[in-house]
N, C-alpha and C. Protein backbone atom coordinates (compact mmCIF):
# COMPACT_ATOMS: atom_id res chain seq x y z
N MET A 1 -3.62 18.84 4.22
CA MET A 1 -2.83 18.80 5.43
C MET A 1 -1.64 17.88 5.19
N GLU A 2 -0.49 18.26 5.71
CA GLU A 2 0.71 17.46 5.58
C GLU A 2 0.75 16.36 6.62
N LEU A 3 1.67 15.42 6.44
CA LEU A 3 1.79 14.28 7.35
C LEU A 3 1.93 14.72 8.80
N ALA A 4 2.77 15.72 9.05
CA ALA A 4 2.97 16.19 10.43
C ALA A 4 1.66 16.69 11.04
N GLY A 5 0.85 17.35 10.24
CA GLY A 5 -0.44 17.83 10.72
C GLY A 5 -1.40 16.70 11.06
N TYR A 6 -1.45 15.69 10.19
CA TYR A 6 -2.29 14.52 10.45
C TYR A 6 -1.83 13.82 11.73
N ALA A 7 -0.52 13.67 11.85
CA ALA A 7 0.03 12.99 13.03
C ALA A 7 -0.32 13.75 14.30
N LYS A 8 -0.13 15.06 14.28
CA LYS A 8 -0.43 15.88 15.45
C LYS A 8 -1.91 15.80 15.81
N ALA A 9 -2.78 15.82 14.81
CA ALA A 9 -4.22 15.73 15.05
C ALA A 9 -4.61 14.42 15.72
N HIS A 10 -3.76 13.41 15.58
CA HIS A 10 -4.04 12.09 16.17
C HIS A 10 -3.10 11.77 17.32
N GLY A 11 -2.47 12.82 17.87
CA GLY A 11 -1.64 12.65 19.05
C GLY A 11 -0.29 12.00 18.82
N ARG A 12 0.22 12.08 17.59
CA ARG A 12 1.53 11.48 17.29
C ARG A 12 2.51 12.54 16.85
N ASP A 13 3.78 12.24 17.02
CA ASP A 13 4.85 13.12 16.57
C ASP A 13 5.15 12.81 15.10
N GLY A 14 4.85 13.73 14.22
CA GLY A 14 5.06 13.52 12.79
C GLY A 14 6.50 13.28 12.41
N LYS A 15 7.44 13.84 13.18
CA LYS A 15 8.85 13.64 12.88
C LYS A 15 9.32 12.23 13.22
N ALA A 16 8.52 11.51 14.01
CA ALA A 16 8.89 10.14 14.38
C ALA A 16 8.43 9.13 13.32
N ILE A 17 7.71 9.59 12.32
CA ILE A 17 7.20 8.71 11.27
C ILE A 17 8.17 8.75 10.09
N PRO A 18 8.79 7.62 9.76
CA PRO A 18 9.70 7.62 8.61
C PRO A 18 8.94 7.79 7.30
N ILE A 19 9.54 8.49 6.37
CA ILE A 19 8.97 8.66 5.04
C ILE A 19 9.88 7.90 4.08
N CYS A 20 9.32 6.91 3.42
CA CYS A 20 10.11 6.02 2.56
C CYS A 20 9.76 6.24 1.09
N PHE A 21 10.72 5.97 0.24
CA PHE A 21 10.56 6.09 -1.20
C PHE A 21 11.25 4.91 -1.86
N ARG A 22 10.63 4.33 -2.85
CA ARG A 22 11.22 3.19 -3.55
C ARG A 22 11.30 3.51 -5.04
N ALA A 23 12.47 3.26 -5.62
CA ALA A 23 12.65 3.57 -7.04
C ALA A 23 13.81 2.76 -7.60
N PRO A 24 13.79 2.55 -8.92
CA PRO A 24 14.96 1.93 -9.54
C PRO A 24 16.14 2.89 -9.47
N VAL A 25 17.33 2.34 -9.21
CA VAL A 25 18.55 3.12 -9.16
C VAL A 25 19.56 2.47 -10.09
N ILE A 26 20.08 3.25 -11.02
CA ILE A 26 21.06 2.74 -11.98
C ILE A 26 22.19 3.76 -12.09
N VAL A 27 23.40 3.35 -11.74
CA VAL A 27 24.57 4.21 -11.95
C VAL A 27 25.00 3.98 -13.39
N SER A 28 24.88 5.02 -14.21
CA SER A 28 25.11 4.86 -15.64
C SER A 28 25.79 6.10 -16.20
N ASP A 29 26.68 5.89 -17.14
CA ASP A 29 27.33 7.01 -17.82
C ASP A 29 26.54 7.47 -19.04
N SER A 30 25.50 6.72 -19.43
CA SER A 30 24.79 7.06 -20.66
C SER A 30 23.31 7.36 -20.46
N GLU A 31 22.71 6.96 -19.34
CA GLU A 31 21.29 7.21 -19.11
C GLU A 31 21.13 8.34 -18.10
N SER A 32 19.95 8.99 -18.13
CA SER A 32 19.70 10.05 -17.16
C SER A 32 18.21 10.17 -16.89
N ALA A 33 17.84 10.03 -15.62
CA ALA A 33 16.48 10.21 -15.13
C ALA A 33 16.59 10.28 -13.62
N THR A 34 15.48 10.41 -12.91
CA THR A 34 15.54 10.45 -11.46
C THR A 34 16.16 9.16 -10.93
N LEU A 35 17.23 9.31 -10.15
CA LEU A 35 18.00 8.21 -9.56
C LEU A 35 18.63 7.28 -10.60
N ILE A 36 18.76 7.79 -11.81
CA ILE A 36 19.44 7.05 -12.88
C ILE A 36 20.43 8.01 -13.54
N GLY A 37 21.68 7.63 -13.57
CA GLY A 37 22.69 8.47 -14.20
C GLY A 37 24.02 8.36 -13.51
N LYS A 38 24.83 9.37 -13.66
CA LYS A 38 26.15 9.38 -13.03
C LYS A 38 25.98 9.54 -11.52
N ALA A 39 27.01 9.15 -10.78
CA ALA A 39 26.96 9.16 -9.32
C ALA A 39 26.55 10.53 -8.77
N ASP A 40 27.11 11.60 -9.30
CA ASP A 40 26.79 12.94 -8.80
C ASP A 40 25.32 13.30 -9.04
N GLN A 41 24.76 12.83 -10.16
CA GLN A 41 23.34 13.07 -10.43
C GLN A 41 22.46 12.32 -9.42
N ILE A 42 22.82 11.08 -9.14
CA ILE A 42 22.07 10.28 -8.18
C ILE A 42 22.16 10.91 -6.79
N LEU A 43 23.34 11.36 -6.40
CA LEU A 43 23.52 12.03 -5.10
C LEU A 43 22.66 13.28 -5.01
N ALA A 44 22.59 14.06 -6.07
CA ALA A 44 21.76 15.26 -6.08
C ALA A 44 20.28 14.88 -5.91
N ASP A 45 19.84 13.82 -6.57
CA ASP A 45 18.47 13.34 -6.43
C ASP A 45 18.19 12.91 -4.99
N ILE A 46 19.11 12.15 -4.41
CA ILE A 46 18.95 11.70 -3.02
C ILE A 46 18.83 12.90 -2.09
N ARG A 47 19.65 13.90 -2.30
CA ARG A 47 19.61 15.09 -1.44
C ARG A 47 18.29 15.85 -1.60
N ARG A 48 17.74 15.90 -2.81
CA ARG A 48 16.44 16.55 -3.02
C ARG A 48 15.34 15.81 -2.27
N TYR A 49 15.36 14.48 -2.34
CA TYR A 49 14.36 13.70 -1.59
C TYR A 49 14.52 13.90 -0.10
N ALA A 50 15.75 13.94 0.39
CA ALA A 50 15.99 14.17 1.82
C ALA A 50 15.46 15.54 2.24
N ALA A 51 15.68 16.56 1.40
CA ALA A 51 15.19 17.91 1.71
C ALA A 51 13.67 17.94 1.75
N ALA A 52 13.03 17.04 1.00
CA ALA A 52 11.56 16.97 1.00
C ALA A 52 11.03 16.14 2.16
N GLY A 53 11.93 15.57 2.96
CA GLY A 53 11.49 14.83 4.13
C GLY A 53 11.63 13.32 4.05
N VAL A 54 12.10 12.81 2.93
CA VAL A 54 12.27 11.36 2.79
C VAL A 54 13.42 10.92 3.70
N THR A 55 13.16 9.89 4.51
CA THR A 55 14.17 9.39 5.45
C THR A 55 14.78 8.07 5.02
N HIS A 56 14.11 7.35 4.12
CA HIS A 56 14.61 6.05 3.66
C HIS A 56 14.33 5.91 2.17
N ILE A 57 15.31 5.43 1.44
CA ILE A 57 15.13 5.13 0.02
C ILE A 57 15.46 3.66 -0.19
N THR A 58 14.52 2.93 -0.78
CA THR A 58 14.76 1.55 -1.15
C THR A 58 15.15 1.54 -2.62
N CYS A 59 16.32 1.00 -2.90
CA CYS A 59 16.85 0.99 -4.26
C CYS A 59 16.53 -0.32 -4.95
N ASP A 60 15.76 -0.24 -6.01
CA ASP A 60 15.56 -1.40 -6.87
C ASP A 60 16.69 -1.38 -7.89
N LEU A 61 17.34 -2.50 -8.08
CA LEU A 61 18.42 -2.58 -9.04
C LEU A 61 17.97 -3.46 -10.20
N PRO A 62 17.44 -2.83 -11.26
CA PRO A 62 16.91 -3.61 -12.37
C PRO A 62 18.05 -4.23 -13.20
N ALA A 63 18.19 -5.52 -13.09
CA ALA A 63 19.26 -6.22 -13.80
C ALA A 63 18.68 -7.44 -14.50
N LYS A 64 19.22 -7.75 -15.66
CA LYS A 64 18.77 -8.90 -16.43
C LYS A 64 19.64 -10.13 -16.22
N SER A 65 20.74 -9.93 -15.49
CA SER A 65 21.62 -11.06 -15.23
C SER A 65 22.33 -10.84 -13.90
N GLU A 66 22.91 -11.91 -13.37
CA GLU A 66 23.66 -11.80 -12.12
C GLU A 66 24.86 -10.87 -12.31
N GLN A 67 25.51 -10.96 -13.43
CA GLN A 67 26.67 -10.09 -13.70
C GLN A 67 26.26 -8.62 -13.74
N GLN A 68 25.14 -8.32 -14.38
CA GLN A 68 24.66 -6.94 -14.45
C GLN A 68 24.30 -6.44 -13.04
N LEU A 69 23.69 -7.30 -12.22
CA LEU A 69 23.36 -6.94 -10.85
C LEU A 69 24.62 -6.63 -10.05
N MET A 70 25.63 -7.48 -10.19
CA MET A 70 26.88 -7.26 -9.46
C MET A 70 27.55 -5.96 -9.89
N THR A 71 27.51 -5.64 -11.16
CA THR A 71 28.09 -4.39 -11.67
C THR A 71 27.36 -3.19 -11.06
N LEU A 72 26.01 -3.25 -11.05
CA LEU A 72 25.22 -2.16 -10.45
C LEU A 72 25.55 -2.00 -8.96
N LEU A 73 25.62 -3.13 -8.25
CA LEU A 73 25.93 -3.08 -6.82
C LEU A 73 27.31 -2.50 -6.56
N GLU A 74 28.28 -2.92 -7.35
CA GLU A 74 29.64 -2.42 -7.18
C GLU A 74 29.72 -0.92 -7.42
N ARG A 75 29.09 -0.45 -8.48
CA ARG A 75 29.13 0.99 -8.78
C ARG A 75 28.40 1.79 -7.71
N LEU A 76 27.24 1.30 -7.28
CA LEU A 76 26.49 1.98 -6.24
C LEU A 76 27.31 2.04 -4.96
N GLY A 77 27.94 0.93 -4.61
CA GLY A 77 28.74 0.86 -3.40
C GLY A 77 30.01 1.69 -3.43
N LYS A 78 30.60 1.84 -4.59
CA LYS A 78 31.86 2.60 -4.71
C LYS A 78 31.65 4.08 -5.03
N GLU A 79 30.65 4.37 -5.86
CA GLU A 79 30.52 5.72 -6.38
C GLU A 79 29.46 6.57 -5.69
N VAL A 80 28.46 5.94 -5.08
CA VAL A 80 27.34 6.71 -4.51
C VAL A 80 27.30 6.60 -2.98
N LEU A 81 27.16 5.41 -2.47
CA LEU A 81 26.93 5.23 -1.03
C LEU A 81 27.98 5.88 -0.12
N PRO A 82 29.28 5.85 -0.46
CA PRO A 82 30.25 6.50 0.43
C PRO A 82 30.03 8.02 0.55
N LYS A 83 29.34 8.62 -0.40
CA LYS A 83 29.14 10.06 -0.39
C LYS A 83 27.80 10.48 0.22
N VAL A 84 26.94 9.50 0.52
CA VAL A 84 25.65 9.81 1.13
C VAL A 84 25.89 10.08 2.61
N GLY A 85 25.45 11.23 3.07
CA GLY A 85 25.73 11.59 4.46
C GLY A 85 24.58 11.52 5.32
């Protein structure tokens, strides 16, 4: 049974329950995996999760230094987030 079915069986609206996903996110020109890669690849991944019902994505930014973290944040903020609708 899917989440909506469980919710309905217990008197709740399944659409009112947020579905969250947490994963590392890396905007990169050289790596490629789910939520890792070029901005367009990450956007396509986000849209696939949204189509599956995910309402919130928590982005882990794996960085080994403050500078690397700032670079990841800047790229995510400039290249990905403005295009998420």
